Amino acid sequence: MNEKIQRLSDLIKVFGSWSKAQEILFLLHGLKEVVRHGFYDFELKAVEEFCSANNIFLAKSPFKIILNENKEINQKFSNLGLKSPDLSDNKGMSMIYLSKDEKKAHLAVYYEQTNNQKELGLLLGYPSCCVDYFCQNFSASNNNPEIASDNIFTNLAHREEDCVLISHFPCKADCSESIKIGKDNLELLQKIESERAKVALNVLKNTDNLQ
């Protein structure tokens, strides 16, 4: 592995945000087995070159996601989008699945294409209790099933500030499996990206944005 590219500052140049870069860091260090993110066409070349240079398999969705920009006034974050089969539509983003295991990257494509949210969530490493929570609560009318949490490991209130320690919706603030994932992620950040870990902790301790 290229030691230089392990730095979040370098990963951000490729993947575009702290949270995306963190997940790639976790993938490189074995904390995640599969990462799923959306990228627009102009972003894909850098991502593909990175994967080729770092022995990461990349699988691409056979559709694009057109994000719903008509958010409610009080809704801070939208996860709702429409699938479009038109791969030439530059307004849509392709969903990209990254893994060190080629089979798992392609399996993620299959689960998303068949709308098997449960198996996709499990493949992405989310706790089964949280996957069940998401499947039971996510809908077009509730596309942000975020729980209020003052626990730094399950606090998603600062997503718009690009600051989280987990990448899934926890089923409850004190979900033990989600907290373990958050702690493992923080431990890695403290080990190799101590300044980012300090910033994240300072932001996540701020509970002003709780619902």
N, C-alpha and C. Protein backbone atom coordinates (compact mmCIF):
# COMPACT_ATOMS: atom_id res chain seq x y z
N MET A 1 0.83 -1.20 0.00
CA MET A 1 0.00 0.00 0.00
C MET A 1 0.86 1.25 0.00
N ASN A 2 0.50 2.20 -0.81
CA ASN A 2 1.21 3.47 -0.87
C ASN A 2 1.05 4.21 0.45
N GLU A 3 2.15 4.40 1.19
CA GLU A 3 2.06 5.02 2.51
C GLU A 3 1.52 6.45 2.44
N LYS A 4 1.91 7.16 1.41
CA LYS A 4 1.47 8.54 1.28
C LYS A 4 -0.04 8.65 1.15
N ILE A 5 -0.63 7.76 0.35
CA ILE A 5 -2.05 7.85 0.05
C ILE A 5 -2.90 7.46 1.25
N GLN A 6 -2.30 6.94 2.31
CA GLN A 6 -3.06 6.61 3.51
C GLN A 6 -3.49 7.86 4.25
N ARG A 7 -2.86 8.99 4.01
CA ARG A 7 -3.21 10.21 4.70
C ARG A 7 -4.57 10.70 4.24
N LEU A 8 -5.40 11.12 5.19
CA LEU A 8 -6.74 11.59 4.85
C LEU A 8 -6.68 12.78 3.91
N SER A 9 -5.70 13.64 4.08
CA SER A 9 -5.59 14.81 3.22
C SER A 9 -5.42 14.41 1.75
N ASP A 10 -4.73 13.29 1.51
CA ASP A 10 -4.58 12.79 0.14
C ASP A 10 -5.84 12.08 -0.33
N LEU A 11 -6.48 11.34 0.58
CA LEU A 11 -7.70 10.63 0.21
C LEU A 11 -8.83 11.59 -0.13
N ILE A 12 -8.89 12.71 0.57
CA ILE A 12 -9.93 13.71 0.31
C ILE A 12 -9.81 14.25 -1.11
N LYS A 13 -8.59 14.40 -1.60
CA LYS A 13 -8.38 14.90 -2.96
C LYS A 13 -9.00 13.95 -3.98
N VAL A 14 -9.06 12.67 -3.64
CA VAL A 14 -9.62 11.67 -4.55
C VAL A 14 -11.11 11.50 -4.33
N PHE A 15 -11.53 11.42 -3.06
CA PHE A 15 -12.91 11.03 -2.75
C PHE A 15 -13.81 12.20 -2.37
N GLY A 16 -13.25 13.37 -2.08
CA GLY A 16 -14.05 14.57 -2.00
C GLY A 16 -14.58 15.02 -0.66
N SER A 17 -14.51 14.20 0.37
CA SER A 17 -15.01 14.63 1.68
C SER A 17 -14.32 13.85 2.79
N TRP A 18 -14.40 14.39 4.01
CA TRP A 18 -13.80 13.71 5.17
C TRP A 18 -14.45 12.35 5.39
N SER A 19 -15.79 12.31 5.35
CA SER A 19 -16.47 11.06 5.68
C SER A 19 -16.18 9.98 4.63
N LYS A 20 -16.14 10.36 3.35
CA LYS A 20 -15.79 9.36 2.33
C LYS A 20 -14.34 8.91 2.49
N ALA A 21 -13.45 9.86 2.74
CA ALA A 21 -12.04 9.52 2.90
C ALA A 21 -11.83 8.61 4.11
N GLN A 22 -12.55 8.88 5.20
CA GLN A 22 -12.45 8.03 6.38
C GLN A 22 -12.83 6.59 6.05
N GLU A 23 -13.93 6.42 5.33
CA GLU A 23 -14.36 5.06 5.01
C GLU A 23 -13.33 4.32 4.16
N ILE A 24 -12.69 5.03 3.24
CA ILE A 24 -11.64 4.40 2.45
C ILE A 24 -10.46 4.03 3.35
N LEU A 25 -10.15 4.89 4.30
CA LEU A 25 -9.10 4.60 5.26
C LEU A 25 -9.44 3.33 6.05
N PHE A 26 -10.70 3.22 6.48
CA PHE A 26 -11.13 2.05 7.23
C PHE A 26 -11.08 0.79 6.35
N LEU A 27 -11.40 0.95 5.07
CA LEU A 27 -11.30 -0.18 4.13
C LEU A 27 -9.85 -0.63 3.97
N LEU A 28 -8.95 0.32 3.79
CA LEU A 28 -7.54 0.00 3.61
C LEU A 28 -6.96 -0.71 4.83
N HIS A 29 -7.47 -0.39 6.01
CA HIS A 29 -6.93 -0.96 7.25
C HIS A 29 -7.78 -2.11 7.81
N GLY A 30 -8.73 -2.59 7.03
CA GLY A 30 -9.47 -3.78 7.41
C GLY A 30 -10.63 -3.59 8.35
N LEU A 31 -11.02 -2.34 8.63
CA LEU A 31 -12.17 -2.11 9.50
C LEU A 31 -13.48 -2.23 8.75
N LYS A 32 -13.44 -2.09 7.45
CA LYS A 32 -14.60 -2.31 6.59
C LYS A 32 -14.21 -3.24 5.45
N GLU A 33 -15.17 -4.04 5.00
CA GLU A 33 -14.90 -4.95 3.88
C GLU A 33 -15.46 -4.41 2.57
N VAL A 34 -16.52 -3.62 2.65
CA VAL A 34 -17.13 -3.04 1.46
C VAL A 34 -17.53 -1.60 1.76
N VAL A 35 -17.26 -0.71 0.83
CA VAL A 35 -17.65 0.69 0.95
C VAL A 35 -18.54 1.04 -0.24
N ARG A 36 -19.60 1.78 0.02
CA ARG A 36 -20.55 2.20 -1.02
C ARG A 36 -20.64 3.72 -1.00
N HIS A 37 -20.39 4.34 -2.16
CA HIS A 37 -20.52 5.80 -2.26
C HIS A 37 -20.98 6.18 -3.66
N GLY A 38 -21.56 7.37 -3.76
CA GLY A 38 -21.98 7.88 -5.04
C GLY A 38 -20.98 8.89 -5.58
N PHE A 39 -20.72 8.82 -6.90
CA PHE A 39 -19.80 9.75 -7.53
C PHE A 39 -20.37 10.19 -8.88
N TYR A 40 -20.14 11.47 -9.19
CA TYR A 40 -20.51 11.97 -10.50
C TYR A 40 -19.42 11.59 -11.51
N ASP A 41 -19.77 11.68 -12.78
CA ASP A 41 -18.86 11.23 -13.83
C ASP A 41 -17.48 11.89 -13.75
N PHE A 42 -17.47 13.19 -13.46
CA PHE A 42 -16.19 13.90 -13.46
C PHE A 42 -15.29 13.48 -12.29
N GLU A 43 -15.86 12.79 -11.30
CA GLU A 43 -15.08 12.35 -10.14
C GLU A 43 -14.51 10.94 -10.31
N LEU A 44 -15.05 10.19 -11.25
CA LEU A 44 -14.77 8.76 -11.31
C LEU A 44 -13.34 8.40 -11.72
N LYS A 45 -12.75 9.18 -12.60
CA LYS A 45 -11.40 8.84 -13.08
C LYS A 45 -10.41 8.74 -11.93
N ALA A 46 -10.43 9.72 -11.03
CA ALA A 46 -9.50 9.71 -9.90
C ALA A 46 -9.76 8.52 -8.98
N VAL A 47 -11.04 8.18 -8.78
CA VAL A 47 -11.40 7.05 -7.93
C VAL A 47 -10.91 5.75 -8.56
N GLU A 48 -11.13 5.60 -9.85
CA GLU A 48 -10.70 4.39 -10.55
C GLU A 48 -9.18 4.24 -10.53
N GLU A 49 -8.46 5.33 -10.72
CA GLU A 49 -6.99 5.28 -10.69
C GLU A 49 -6.49 4.91 -9.29
N PHE A 50 -7.14 5.47 -8.26
CA PHE A 50 -6.77 5.13 -6.90
C PHE A 50 -6.95 3.64 -6.63
N CYS A 51 -8.10 3.10 -7.03
CA CYS A 51 -8.39 1.69 -6.79
C CYS A 51 -7.39 0.80 -7.52
N SER A 52 -7.07 1.15 -8.74
CA SER A 52 -6.11 0.37 -9.52
C SER A 52 -4.74 0.36 -8.85
N ALA A 53 -4.34 1.49 -8.29
CA ALA A 53 -3.02 1.61 -7.66
C ALA A 53 -2.97 0.95 -6.29
N ASN A 54 -4.13 0.73 -5.66
CA ASN A 54 -4.16 0.22 -4.29
C ASN A 54 -4.84 -1.14 -4.16
N ASN A 55 -4.96 -1.86 -5.28
CA ASN A 55 -5.51 -3.22 -5.27
C ASN A 55 -6.90 -3.30 -4.64
N ILE A 56 -7.74 -2.34 -5.00
CA ILE A 56 -9.13 -2.33 -4.55
C ILE A 56 -10.02 -2.58 -5.76
N PHE A 57 -10.95 -3.51 -5.62
CA PHE A 57 -11.87 -3.81 -6.71
C PHE A 57 -13.02 -2.80 -6.70
N LEU A 58 -13.38 -2.34 -7.87
CA LEU A 58 -14.44 -1.34 -8.02
C LEU A 58 -15.54 -1.92 -8.90
N ALA A 59 -16.77 -1.89 -8.40
CA ALA A 59 -17.93 -2.29 -9.19
C ALA A 59 -18.88 -1.10 -9.26
N LYS A 60 -19.53 -0.95 -10.40
CA LYS A 60 -20.36 0.23 -10.64
C LYS A 60 -21.81 -0.18 -10.86
N SER A 61 -22.72 0.60 -10.34
CA SER A 61 -24.14 0.31 -10.50
C SER A 61 -24.57 0.44 -11.96
N PRO A 62 -25.54 -0.38 -12.40
CA PRO A 62 -26.05 -0.28 -13.77
C PRO A 62 -27.15 0.79 -13.88
N PHE A 63 -27.11 1.75 -13.01
CA PHE A 63 -28.08 2.85 -12.99
C PHE A 63 -27.41 4.06 -12.36
N LYS A 64 -28.07 5.19 -12.44
CA LYS A 64 -27.60 6.38 -11.75
C LYS A 64 -28.67 6.85 -10.77
N ILE A 65 -28.22 7.55 -9.74
CA ILE A 65 -29.14 8.09 -8.74
C ILE A 65 -29.29 9.59 -8.99
N ILE A 66 -30.53 10.02 -9.17
CA ILE A 66 -30.84 11.43 -9.29
C ILE A 66 -31.35 11.89 -7.93
N LEU A 67 -30.56 12.69 -7.23
CA LEU A 67 -30.93 13.10 -5.88
C LEU A 67 -32.14 14.00 -5.90
N ASN A 68 -32.99 13.81 -4.89
CA ASN A 68 -34.16 14.67 -4.71
C ASN A 68 -33.73 15.93 -3.98
N GLU A 69 -33.77 17.06 -4.67
CA GLU A 69 -33.33 18.31 -4.06
C GLU A 69 -34.48 19.09 -3.44
N ASN A 70 -35.70 18.57 -3.53
CA ASN A 70 -36.85 19.26 -2.95
C ASN A 70 -37.04 18.83 -1.51
N LYS A 71 -36.11 19.22 -0.65
CA LYS A 71 -36.15 18.83 0.75
C LYS A 71 -37.08 19.74 1.53
N GLU A 72 -37.67 19.19 2.57
CA GLU A 72 -38.48 20.01 3.46
C GLU A 72 -37.60 21.04 4.15
N ILE A 73 -38.19 22.16 4.52
CA ILE A 73 -37.43 23.27 5.11
C ILE A 73 -36.64 22.83 6.33
N ASN A 74 -37.25 21.99 7.17
CA ASN A 74 -36.60 21.60 8.42
C ASN A 74 -35.81 20.31 8.29
N GLN A 75 -35.71 19.77 7.08
CA GLN A 75 -34.96 18.53 6.89
C GLN A 75 -33.53 18.86 6.52
N LYS A 76 -32.60 18.41 7.34
CA LYS A 76 -31.20 18.80 7.18
C LYS A 76 -30.47 17.96 6.15
N PHE A 77 -30.92 16.73 5.94
CA PHE A 77 -30.13 15.79 5.14
C PHE A 77 -31.08 14.86 4.40
N SER A 78 -30.87 14.68 3.12
CA SER A 78 -31.75 13.82 2.33
C SER A 78 -31.00 12.60 1.81
N ASN A 79 -31.63 11.42 1.93
CA ASN A 79 -31.07 10.19 1.39
C ASN A 79 -31.93 9.67 0.26
N LEU A 80 -32.86 10.50 -0.21
CA LEU A 80 -33.83 10.06 -1.20
C LEU A 80 -33.36 10.38 -2.61
N GLY A 81 -33.46 9.42 -3.49
CA GLY A 81 -33.08 9.65 -4.88
C GLY A 81 -33.82 8.68 -5.78
N LEU A 82 -33.87 9.00 -7.06
CA LEU A 82 -34.55 8.16 -8.03
C LEU A 82 -33.52 7.43 -8.88
N LYS A 83 -33.76 6.15 -9.14
CA LYS A 83 -32.87 5.38 -9.99
C LYS A 83 -33.19 5.69 -11.45
N SER A 84 -32.15 5.97 -12.22
CA SER A 84 -32.31 6.22 -13.65
C SER A 84 -31.45 5.24 -14.43
N PRO A 85 -32.02 4.56 -15.43
CA PRO A 85 -31.22 3.63 -16.24
C PRO A 85 -30.34 4.35 -17.27
N ASP A 86 -30.50 5.66 -17.37
CA ASP A 86 -29.75 6.45 -18.35
C ASP A 86 -28.36 6.76 -17.80
N LEU A 87 -27.38 5.96 -18.17
CA LEU A 87 -26.02 6.13 -17.65
C LEU A 87 -25.31 7.34 -18.26
N SER A 88 -25.91 7.94 -19.26
CA SER A 88 -25.31 9.13 -19.88
C SER A 88 -25.77 10.42 -19.22
N ASP A 89 -26.69 10.32 -18.27
CA ASP A 89 -27.23 11.50 -17.60
C ASP A 89 -26.21 12.04 -16.61
N ASN A 90 -25.58 13.17 -16.93
CA ASN A 90 -24.53 13.69 -16.05
C ASN A 90 -25.08 14.38 -14.81
N LYS A 91 -26.41 14.45 -14.68
CA LYS A 91 -27.01 14.99 -13.46
C LYS A 91 -27.10 13.93 -12.37
N GLY A 92 -26.94 12.68 -12.77
CA GLY A 92 -27.02 11.59 -11.81
C GLY A 92 -25.65 11.11 -11.39
N MET A 93 -25.60 10.45 -10.24
CA MET A 93 -24.35 9.87 -9.76
C MET A 93 -24.41 8.36 -9.83
N SER A 94 -23.29 7.77 -10.17
CA SER A 94 -23.18 6.31 -10.15
C SER A 94 -22.86 5.85 -8.74
N MET A 95 -23.47 4.75 -8.35
CA MET A 95 -23.12 4.16 -7.07
C MET A 95 -21.92 3.23 -7.30
N ILE A 96 -20.90 3.42 -6.48
CA ILE A 96 -19.65 2.68 -6.61
C ILE A 96 -19.45 1.82 -5.35
N TYR A 97 -19.05 0.58 -5.58
CA TYR A 97 -18.86 -0.36 -4.47
C TYR A 97 -17.40 -0.80 -4.48
N LEU A 98 -16.72 -0.59 -3.40
CA LEU A 98 -15.29 -0.83 -3.32
C LEU A 98 -14.99 -1.90 -2.28
N SER A 99 -14.08 -2.80 -2.62
CA SER A 99 -13.71 -3.86 -1.69
C SER A 99 -12.38 -4.47 -2.11
N LYS A 100 -11.68 -5.05 -1.15
CA LYS A 100 -10.49 -5.82 -1.49
C LYS A 100 -10.87 -7.20 -2.03
N ASP A 101 -12.16 -7.54 -1.90
CA ASP A 101 -12.69 -8.82 -2.36
C ASP A 101 -13.60 -8.54 -3.56
N GLU A 102 -13.18 -8.96 -4.76
CA GLU A 102 -13.93 -8.66 -5.99
C GLU A 102 -15.36 -9.18 -5.92
N LYS A 103 -15.55 -10.37 -5.37
CA LYS A 103 -16.89 -10.96 -5.30
C LYS A 103 -17.82 -10.10 -4.45
N LYS A 104 -17.31 -9.58 -3.35
CA LYS A 104 -18.16 -8.78 -2.46
C LYS A 104 -18.54 -7.45 -3.11
N ALA A 105 -17.64 -6.87 -3.89
CA ALA A 105 -17.96 -5.62 -4.58
C ALA A 105 -19.12 -5.85 -5.56
N HIS A 106 -19.07 -6.94 -6.30
CA HIS A 106 -20.12 -7.23 -7.28
C HIS A 106 -21.41 -7.69 -6.60
N LEU A 107 -21.27 -8.36 -5.46
CA LEU A 107 -22.45 -8.78 -4.72
C LEU A 107 -23.22 -7.57 -4.21
N ALA A 108 -22.50 -6.52 -3.82
CA ALA A 108 -23.14 -5.29 -3.37
C ALA A 108 -23.97 -4.68 -4.50
N VAL A 109 -23.43 -4.70 -5.72
CA VAL A 109 -24.18 -4.20 -6.88
C VAL A 109 -25.49 -4.99 -7.03
N TYR A 110 -25.37 -6.31 -6.93
CA TYR A 110 -26.55 -7.17 -7.10
C TYR A 110 -27.61 -6.87 -6.04
N TYR A 111 -27.19 -6.75 -4.79
CA TYR A 111 -28.16 -6.50 -3.73
C TYR A 111 -28.86 -5.15 -3.91
N GLU A 112 -28.11 -4.14 -4.35
CA GLU A 112 -28.75 -2.84 -4.56
C GLU A 112 -29.66 -2.87 -5.77
N GLN A 113 -29.24 -3.52 -6.82
CA GLN A 113 -30.05 -3.60 -8.04
C GLN A 113 -31.37 -4.32 -7.77
N THR A 114 -31.35 -5.32 -6.90
CA THR A 114 -32.57 -6.08 -6.57
C THR A 114 -33.29 -5.50 -5.35
N ASN A 115 -32.81 -4.36 -4.87
CA ASN A 115 -33.42 -3.66 -3.73
C ASN A 115 -33.45 -4.53 -2.47
N ASN A 116 -32.41 -5.34 -2.29
CA ASN A 116 -32.29 -6.17 -1.10
C ASN A 116 -31.50 -5.38 -0.05
N GLN A 117 -32.21 -4.47 0.61
CA GLN A 117 -31.55 -3.56 1.54
C GLN A 117 -30.95 -4.29 2.74
N LYS A 118 -31.58 -5.37 3.15
CA LYS A 118 -31.06 -6.09 4.33
C LYS A 118 -29.70 -6.72 4.04
N GLU A 119 -29.60 -7.47 2.94
CA GLU A 119 -28.33 -8.12 2.63
C GLU A 119 -27.26 -7.10 2.27
N LEU A 120 -27.66 -6.00 1.63
CA LEU A 120 -26.71 -4.95 1.31
C LEU A 120 -26.15 -4.33 2.58
N GLY A 121 -27.02 -4.03 3.52
CA GLY A 121 -26.58 -3.45 4.79
C GLY A 121 -25.62 -4.35 5.54
N LEU A 122 -25.94 -5.63 5.58
CA LEU A 122 -25.07 -6.59 6.27
C LEU A 122 -23.71 -6.69 5.57
N LEU A 123 -23.73 -6.68 4.23
CA LEU A 123 -22.49 -6.74 3.47
C LEU A 123 -21.62 -5.51 3.72
N LEU A 124 -22.26 -4.37 3.95
CA LEU A 124 -21.53 -3.13 4.22
C LEU A 124 -21.01 -3.08 5.66
N GLY A 125 -21.33 -4.10 6.44
CA GLY A 125 -20.79 -4.20 7.79
C GLY A 125 -21.63 -3.54 8.87
N TYR A 126 -22.88 -3.23 8.55
CA TYR A 126 -23.73 -2.60 9.54
C TYR A 126 -24.29 -3.65 10.50
N PRO A 127 -24.50 -3.32 11.77
CA PRO A 127 -25.07 -4.28 12.72
C PRO A 127 -26.45 -4.74 12.25
N SER A 128 -26.76 -6.01 12.48
CA SER A 128 -28.04 -6.55 12.02
C SER A 128 -29.23 -5.82 12.63
N CYS A 129 -29.09 -5.39 13.89
CA CYS A 129 -30.19 -4.67 14.53
C CYS A 129 -30.44 -3.34 13.84
N CYS A 130 -29.38 -2.70 13.39
CA CYS A 130 -29.51 -1.41 12.71
C CYS A 130 -30.02 -1.59 11.28
N VAL A 131 -29.63 -2.69 10.64
CA VAL A 131 -30.14 -2.99 9.31
C VAL A 131 -31.65 -3.22 9.39
N ASP A 132 -32.09 -3.98 10.40
CA ASP A 132 -33.53 -4.21 10.58
C ASP A 132 -34.26 -2.90 10.86
N TYR A 133 -33.65 -2.06 11.67
CA TYR A 133 -34.25 -0.75 11.98
C TYR A 133 -34.44 0.07 10.70
N PHE A 134 -33.40 0.09 9.87
CA PHE A 134 -33.47 0.86 8.62
C PHE A 134 -34.55 0.30 7.70
N CYS A 135 -34.57 -1.01 7.52
CA CYS A 135 -35.55 -1.63 6.63
C CYS A 135 -36.99 -1.38 7.09
N GLN A 136 -37.18 -1.31 8.40
CA GLN A 136 -38.51 -1.11 8.94
C GLN A 136 -38.95 0.36 8.94
N ASN A 137 -37.98 1.27 8.90
CA ASN A 137 -38.33 2.68 9.06
C ASN A 137 -38.09 3.57 7.84
N PHE A 138 -37.21 3.16 6.95
CA PHE A 138 -36.91 3.99 5.78
C PHE A 138 -38.04 3.91 4.77
N SER A 139 -38.44 5.05 4.25
CA SER A 139 -39.47 5.12 3.22
C SER A 139 -39.36 6.46 2.53
N ALA A 140 -40.16 6.65 1.49
CA ALA A 140 -40.14 7.92 0.77
C ALA A 140 -40.55 9.07 1.68
N SER A 141 -41.43 8.79 2.64
CA SER A 141 -41.89 9.83 3.55
C SER A 141 -41.00 9.95 4.79
N ASN A 142 -40.10 8.99 4.98
CA ASN A 142 -39.16 9.02 6.11
C ASN A 142 -37.80 8.57 5.61
N ASN A 143 -37.17 9.44 4.81
CA ASN A 143 -35.91 9.05 4.19
C ASN A 143 -34.70 9.43 5.03
N ASN A 144 -34.93 9.88 6.25
CA ASN A 144 -33.82 10.22 7.15
C ASN A 144 -34.14 9.70 8.56
N PRO A 145 -34.14 8.37 8.74
CA PRO A 145 -34.52 7.79 10.03
C PRO A 145 -33.42 7.92 11.09
N GLU A 146 -33.02 9.15 11.32
CA GLU A 146 -31.94 9.44 12.27
C GLU A 146 -32.50 9.60 13.68
N ILE A 147 -31.88 8.91 14.63
CA ILE A 147 -32.29 9.04 16.03
C ILE A 147 -31.44 10.14 16.70
N ALA A 148 -32.02 10.81 17.69
CA ALA A 148 -31.26 11.81 18.44
C ALA A 148 -30.31 11.09 19.39
N SER A 149 -29.05 11.52 19.42
CA SER A 149 -28.06 10.86 20.27
C SER A 149 -27.02 11.86 20.74
N ASP A 150 -26.72 11.81 22.04
CA ASP A 150 -25.61 12.62 22.56
C ASP A 150 -24.38 11.74 22.80
N ASN A 151 -24.44 10.50 22.26
CA ASN A 151 -23.29 9.60 22.30
C ASN A 151 -22.44 9.89 21.07
N ILE A 152 -21.18 10.22 21.26
CA ILE A 152 -20.35 10.64 20.13
C ILE A 152 -20.24 9.57 19.05
N PHE A 153 -20.40 8.30 19.42
CA PHE A 153 -20.23 7.22 18.46
C PHE A 153 -21.48 6.99 17.61
N THR A 154 -22.65 7.37 18.09
CA THR A 154 -23.89 7.18 17.33
C THR A 154 -24.54 8.51 16.96
N ASN A 155 -23.81 9.59 17.14
CA ASN A 155 -24.32 10.93 16.83
C ASN A 155 -24.14 11.23 15.34
N LEU A 156 -25.27 11.36 14.63
CA LEU A 156 -25.23 11.68 13.20
C LEU A 156 -25.64 13.13 12.94
N ALA A 157 -25.80 13.90 13.99
CA ALA A 157 -26.32 15.27 13.85
C ALA A 157 -25.39 16.18 13.07
N HIS A 158 -24.13 15.77 12.90
CA HIS A 158 -23.15 16.64 12.23
C HIS A 158 -22.75 16.12 10.86
N ARG A 159 -23.64 15.35 10.24
CA ARG A 159 -23.33 14.84 8.89
C ARG A 159 -23.11 15.97 7.89
N GLU A 160 -23.92 17.01 8.02
CA GLU A 160 -23.76 18.13 7.08
C GLU A 160 -22.44 18.86 7.27
N GLU A 161 -21.84 18.67 8.45
CA GLU A 161 -20.51 19.23 8.70
C GLU A 161 -19.43 18.20 8.36
N ASP A 162 -19.86 17.09 7.75
CA ASP A 162 -18.93 16.05 7.30
C ASP A 162 -18.19 15.43 8.48
N CYS A 163 -18.92 15.19 9.57
CA CYS A 163 -18.27 14.67 10.77
C CYS A 163 -19.12 13.58 11.41
N VAL A 164 -18.70 12.33 11.22
CA VAL A 164 -19.35 11.16 11.83
C VAL A 164 -18.28 10.10 12.08
N LEU A 165 -18.60 9.16 12.95
CA LEU A 165 -17.68 8.05 13.21
C LEU A 165 -18.24 6.72 12.71
N ILE A 166 -19.51 6.71 12.28
CA ILE A 166 -20.12 5.53 11.69
C ILE A 166 -20.81 5.96 10.40
N SER A 167 -21.13 5.00 9.55
CA SER A 167 -21.72 5.34 8.25
C SER A 167 -23.11 4.75 8.07
N HIS A 168 -23.75 4.37 9.17
CA HIS A 168 -25.10 3.81 9.09
C HIS A 168 -26.01 4.49 10.11
N PHE A 169 -27.30 4.25 9.97
CA PHE A 169 -28.27 4.76 10.94
C PHE A 169 -28.34 3.78 12.11
N PRO A 170 -27.90 4.19 13.29
CA PRO A 170 -27.99 3.28 14.45
C PRO A 170 -29.45 3.11 14.88
N CYS A 171 -29.76 1.95 15.40
CA CYS A 171 -31.14 1.68 15.81
C CYS A 171 -31.51 2.41 17.08
N LYS A 172 -30.51 2.74 17.89
CA LYS A 172 -30.73 3.50 19.12
C LYS A 172 -29.43 4.13 19.56
N ALA A 173 -29.52 5.13 20.40
CA ALA A 173 -28.33 5.89 20.79
C ALA A 173 -27.28 5.02 21.49
N ASP A 174 -27.72 4.01 22.22
CA ASP A 174 -26.79 3.18 22.97
C ASP A 174 -26.61 1.80 22.33
N CYS A 175 -26.79 1.71 21.02
CA CYS A 175 -26.58 0.43 20.32
C CYS A 175 -25.13 -0.01 20.51
N SER A 176 -24.93 -1.13 21.19
CA SER A 176 -23.58 -1.57 21.55
C SER A 176 -22.72 -1.89 20.34
N GLU A 177 -23.34 -2.48 19.30
CA GLU A 177 -22.56 -2.84 18.12
C GLU A 177 -22.14 -1.59 17.33
N SER A 178 -23.03 -0.61 17.27
CA SER A 178 -22.68 0.64 16.58
C SER A 178 -21.58 1.38 17.35
N ILE A 179 -21.68 1.37 18.66
CA ILE A 179 -20.67 2.03 19.49
C ILE A 179 -19.31 1.36 19.31
N LYS A 180 -19.30 0.03 19.22
CA LYS A 180 -18.03 -0.66 19.00
C LYS A 180 -17.41 -0.27 17.66
N ILE A 181 -18.23 -0.19 16.61
CA ILE A 181 -17.72 0.23 15.30
C ILE A 181 -17.15 1.64 15.41
N GLY A 182 -17.88 2.54 16.06
CA GLY A 182 -17.42 3.91 16.22
C GLY A 182 -16.12 4.00 17.00
N LYS A 183 -15.99 3.19 18.05
CA LYS A 183 -14.77 3.19 18.86
C LYS A 183 -13.59 2.67 18.06
N ASP A 184 -13.80 1.60 17.30
CA ASP A 184 -12.71 1.05 16.47
C ASP A 184 -12.26 2.09 15.44
N ASN A 185 -13.24 2.77 14.84
CA ASN A 185 -12.91 3.79 13.84
C ASN A 185 -12.14 4.95 14.47
N LEU A 186 -12.59 5.38 15.65
CA LEU A 186 -11.91 6.48 16.33
C LEU A 186 -10.49 6.08 16.73
N GLU A 187 -10.34 4.85 17.18
CA GLU A 187 -9.01 4.37 17.60
C GLU A 187 -8.03 4.43 16.43
N LEU A 188 -8.49 4.05 15.24
CA LEU A 188 -7.61 4.12 14.07
C LEU A 188 -7.28 5.57 13.73
N LEU A 189 -8.28 6.44 13.80
CA LEU A 189 -8.03 7.85 13.52
C LEU A 189 -7.03 8.44 14.51
N GLN A 190 -7.18 8.09 15.78
CA GLN A 190 -6.26 8.60 16.80
C GLN A 190 -4.85 8.09 16.57
N LYS A 191 -4.72 6.91 16.01
CA LYS A 191 -3.42 6.31 15.78
C LYS A 191 -2.69 6.94 14.60
N ILE A 192 -3.43 7.19 13.50
CA ILE A 192 -2.74 7.65 12.29
C ILE A 192 -3.19 9.02 11.80
N GLU A 193 -4.28 9.56 12.37
CA GLU A 193 -4.78 10.88 11.98
C GLU A 193 -5.24 11.61 13.25
N SER A 194 -4.31 11.84 14.17
CA SER A 194 -4.66 12.36 15.49
C SER A 194 -5.35 13.72 15.44
N GLU A 195 -4.94 14.58 14.53
CA GLU A 195 -5.56 15.90 14.44
C GLU A 195 -7.01 15.80 13.99
N ARG A 196 -7.27 14.93 13.02
CA ARG A 196 -8.65 14.73 12.58
C ARG A 196 -9.49 14.14 13.71
N ALA A 197 -8.93 13.22 14.48
CA ALA A 197 -9.64 12.63 15.60
C ALA A 197 -10.02 13.70 16.62
N LYS A 198 -9.12 14.64 16.89
CA LYS A 198 -9.42 15.72 17.84
C LYS A 198 -10.55 16.60 17.34
N VAL A 199 -10.50 16.95 16.07
CA VAL A 199 -11.55 17.77 15.48
C VAL A 199 -12.90 17.06 15.56
N ALA A 200 -12.90 15.78 15.19
CA ALA A 200 -14.14 15.01 15.21
C ALA A 200 -14.73 14.94 16.61
N LEU A 201 -13.90 14.70 17.60
CA LEU A 201 -14.38 14.62 18.97
C LEU A 201 -14.97 15.95 19.43
N ASN A 202 -14.32 17.04 19.10
CA ASN A 202 -14.83 18.35 19.49
C ASN A 202 -16.19 18.64 18.87
N VAL A 203 -16.33 18.29 17.60
CA VAL A 203 -17.60 18.53 16.91
C VAL A 203 -18.70 17.62 17.45
N LEU A 204 -18.39 16.35 17.62
CA LEU A 204 -19.40 15.38 18.03
C LEU A 204 -19.85 15.55 19.48
N LYS A 205 -19.04 16.21 20.28
CA LYS A 205 -19.44 16.48 21.66
C LYS A 205 -20.42 17.64 21.76
N ASN A 206 -20.59 18.37 20.65
CA ASN A 206 -21.53 19.47 20.61
C ASN A 206 -22.92 18.92 20.36
N THR A 207 -23.81 18.99 21.31
CA THR A 207 -25.15 18.41 21.19
C THR A 207 -26.20 19.44 20.80
N ASP A 208 -25.77 20.61 20.39
CA ASP A 208 -26.73 21.67 20.06
C ASP A 208 -27.65 21.29 18.90
N ASN A 209 -27.15 20.40 18.00
CA ASN A 209 -27.93 20.07 16.81
C ASN A 209 -28.83 18.86 17.00
N LEU A 210 -28.94 18.37 18.23
CA LEU A 210 -29.77 17.19 18.45
C LEU A 210 -31.22 17.51 18.12
N GLN A 211 -31.92 16.51 17.59
CA GLN A 211 -33.31 16.70 17.21
C GLN A 211 -34.19 16.80 18.46
